[in-house]
Amino acid sequence: MTNPQPRSLQQTRFQQSVAQAPLRLQRWARNPWRRLSLQLIVLLLSFSIGGVVASIAGQLSQIDPVGALVCVLVIELAIRARGPLLRSTSHTLGLNLLDMARIGLLYGLLLDGFKLL
């Protein structure tokens, strides 16, 4: 018996829309004010996530080392993901958003850490 060749399935409109979303976001963010507002939103969201992570870890007080390890791993993975984005000239928006997320998360964690002193 011969194996039939796999048929390629037709993409739905939703799949096409999801596949085109990064391109549309890049096109939308060509305006400097839009790009700046998007970066500021990512910075503030990651800052609040850093504060939430520090507050939860501080409240439970049993998972402080685990919470710190998870945060360090997330920041290290973001640094590793930065390499391919640096080599690509078309992903400057992704690189900027990744950097803003790293800065916001780290600043949120540090600010909550200094509150405890």
Protein backbone atom coordinates (compact mmCIF):
# COMPACT_ATOMS: atom_id res chain seq x y z
CA MET A 1 0.00 0.00 0.00
CA THR A 2 1.22 3.42 -0.80
CA ASN A 3 0.79 6.29 1.56
CA PRO A 4 -1.31 9.07 0.11
CA GLN A 5 0.29 12.46 0.13
CA PRO A 6 -0.96 14.64 2.96
CA ARG A 7 -3.33 17.31 1.78
CA SER A 8 -2.68 20.83 2.83
CA LEU A 9 -5.63 22.20 4.70
CA GLN A 10 -7.15 25.46 3.73
CA GLN A 11 -6.55 28.27 6.20
CA THR A 12 -9.54 29.88 7.82
CA ARG A 13 -10.00 33.64 7.97
CA PHE A 14 -9.09 33.57 11.65
CA GLN A 15 -5.81 31.76 10.95
CA GLN A 16 -4.99 34.23 8.20
CA SER A 17 -5.81 37.14 10.49
CA VAL A 18 -3.61 35.77 13.28
CA ALA A 19 -0.77 35.15 10.83
CA GLN A 20 -0.99 38.73 9.53
CA ALA A 21 -1.28 40.37 12.98
CA PRO A 22 2.46 41.06 13.51
CA LEU A 23 2.71 42.65 10.07
CA ARG A 24 -0.32 44.84 10.72
CA LEU A 25 1.05 45.86 14.12
CA GLN A 26 4.38 46.79 12.53
CA ARG A 27 2.60 48.85 9.89
CA TRP A 28 0.40 50.53 12.52
CA ALA A 29 3.41 51.41 14.67
CA ARG A 30 5.27 53.27 11.92
CA ASN A 31 3.93 56.49 13.37
CA PRO A 32 6.41 57.58 16.10
CA TRP A 33 3.66 58.53 18.57
CA ARG A 34 1.95 55.18 18.18
CA ARG A 35 5.25 53.38 18.60
CA LEU A 36 6.03 55.38 21.73
CA SER A 37 2.58 54.74 23.20
CA LEU A 38 2.89 51.01 22.52
CA GLN A 39 6.30 50.92 24.19
CA LEU A 40 4.95 52.83 27.18
CA ILE A 41 2.00 50.43 27.51
CA VAL A 42 4.35 47.42 27.48
CA LEU A 43 6.65 49.11 30.01
CA LEU A 44 3.80 49.86 32.41
CA LEU A 45 2.23 46.41 32.03
CA SER A 46 5.51 44.64 32.74
CA PHE A 47 6.15 47.01 35.68
CA SER A 48 2.82 46.04 37.21
CA ILE A 49 3.50 42.35 36.54
CA GLY A 50 6.81 42.73 38.39
CA GLY A 51 5.00 44.33 41.32
CA VAL A 52 2.38 41.58 41.38
CA VAL A 53 5.00 38.82 41.29
CA ALA A 54 6.93 40.44 44.13
CA SER A 55 3.78 40.99 46.20
CA ILE A 56 2.56 37.41 45.76
CA ALA A 57 5.98 35.97 46.57
CA GLY A 58 6.26 38.25 49.61
CA GLN A 59 2.79 37.38 50.87
CA LEU A 60 3.29 33.64 50.64
CA SER A 61 6.89 33.90 51.94
CA GLN A 62 7.46 30.26 51.14
CA ILE A 63 8.21 30.56 47.45
CA ASP A 64 10.60 33.51 47.49
CA PRO A 65 13.50 31.53 45.97
CA VAL A 66 11.22 29.95 43.38
CA GLY A 67 9.74 33.33 42.44
CA ALA A 68 13.21 34.82 42.12
CA LEU A 69 14.32 31.89 39.97
CA VAL A 70 11.32 32.25 37.67
CA CYS A 71 11.95 36.00 37.27
CA VAL A 72 15.63 35.47 36.52
CA LEU A 73 14.75 32.77 33.97
CA VAL A 74 12.20 35.03 32.25
CA ILE A 75 14.72 37.87 32.01
CA GLU A 76 17.44 35.51 30.75
CA LEU A 77 15.11 34.08 28.10
CA ALA A 78 14.28 37.62 27.00
CA ILE A 79 18.00 38.34 26.65
CA ARG A 80 18.46 35.15 24.60
CA ALA A 81 15.49 36.04 22.38
CA ARG A 82 17.12 39.39 21.71
CA GLY A 83 19.93 37.86 19.61
CA PRO A 84 17.87 36.82 16.57
CA LEU A 85 15.92 40.08 16.75
CA LEU A 86 19.17 42.08 16.60
CA ARG A 87 20.26 40.25 13.46
CA SER A 88 16.92 40.84 11.76
CA THR A 89 16.43 44.35 10.42
CA SER A 90 12.66 44.05 10.08
CA HIS A 91 11.87 43.30 13.74
CA THR A 92 12.90 46.54 15.42
CA LEU A 93 9.45 46.94 16.99
CA GLY A 94 9.67 43.47 18.56
CA LEU A 95 13.13 44.25 19.88
CA ASN A 96 11.99 47.55 21.40
CA LEU A 97 8.94 45.94 23.01
CA LEU A 98 11.04 43.10 24.41
CA ASP A 99 13.50 45.59 25.90
CA MET A 100 10.67 47.63 27.44
CA ALA A 101 9.18 44.48 28.96
CA ARG A 102 12.54 43.51 30.48
CA ILE A 103 13.11 46.98 31.90
CA GLY A 104 9.60 47.20 33.34
CA LEU A 105 9.75 43.76 34.97
CA LEU A 106 13.14 44.39 36.50
CA TYR A 107 12.19 47.87 37.72
CA GLY A 108 8.96 46.55 39.27
CA LEU A 109 10.84 43.83 41.12
CA LEU A 110 13.56 46.19 42.33
CA LEU A 111 11.10 48.81 43.51
CA ASP A 112 9.19 46.26 45.58
CA GLY A 113 12.47 44.94 46.94
CA PHE A 114 13.51 48.40 48.09
CA LYS A 115 10.13 48.92 49.78
CA LEU A 116 11.04 46.11 52.14
CA LEU A 117 14.26 47.77 53.32
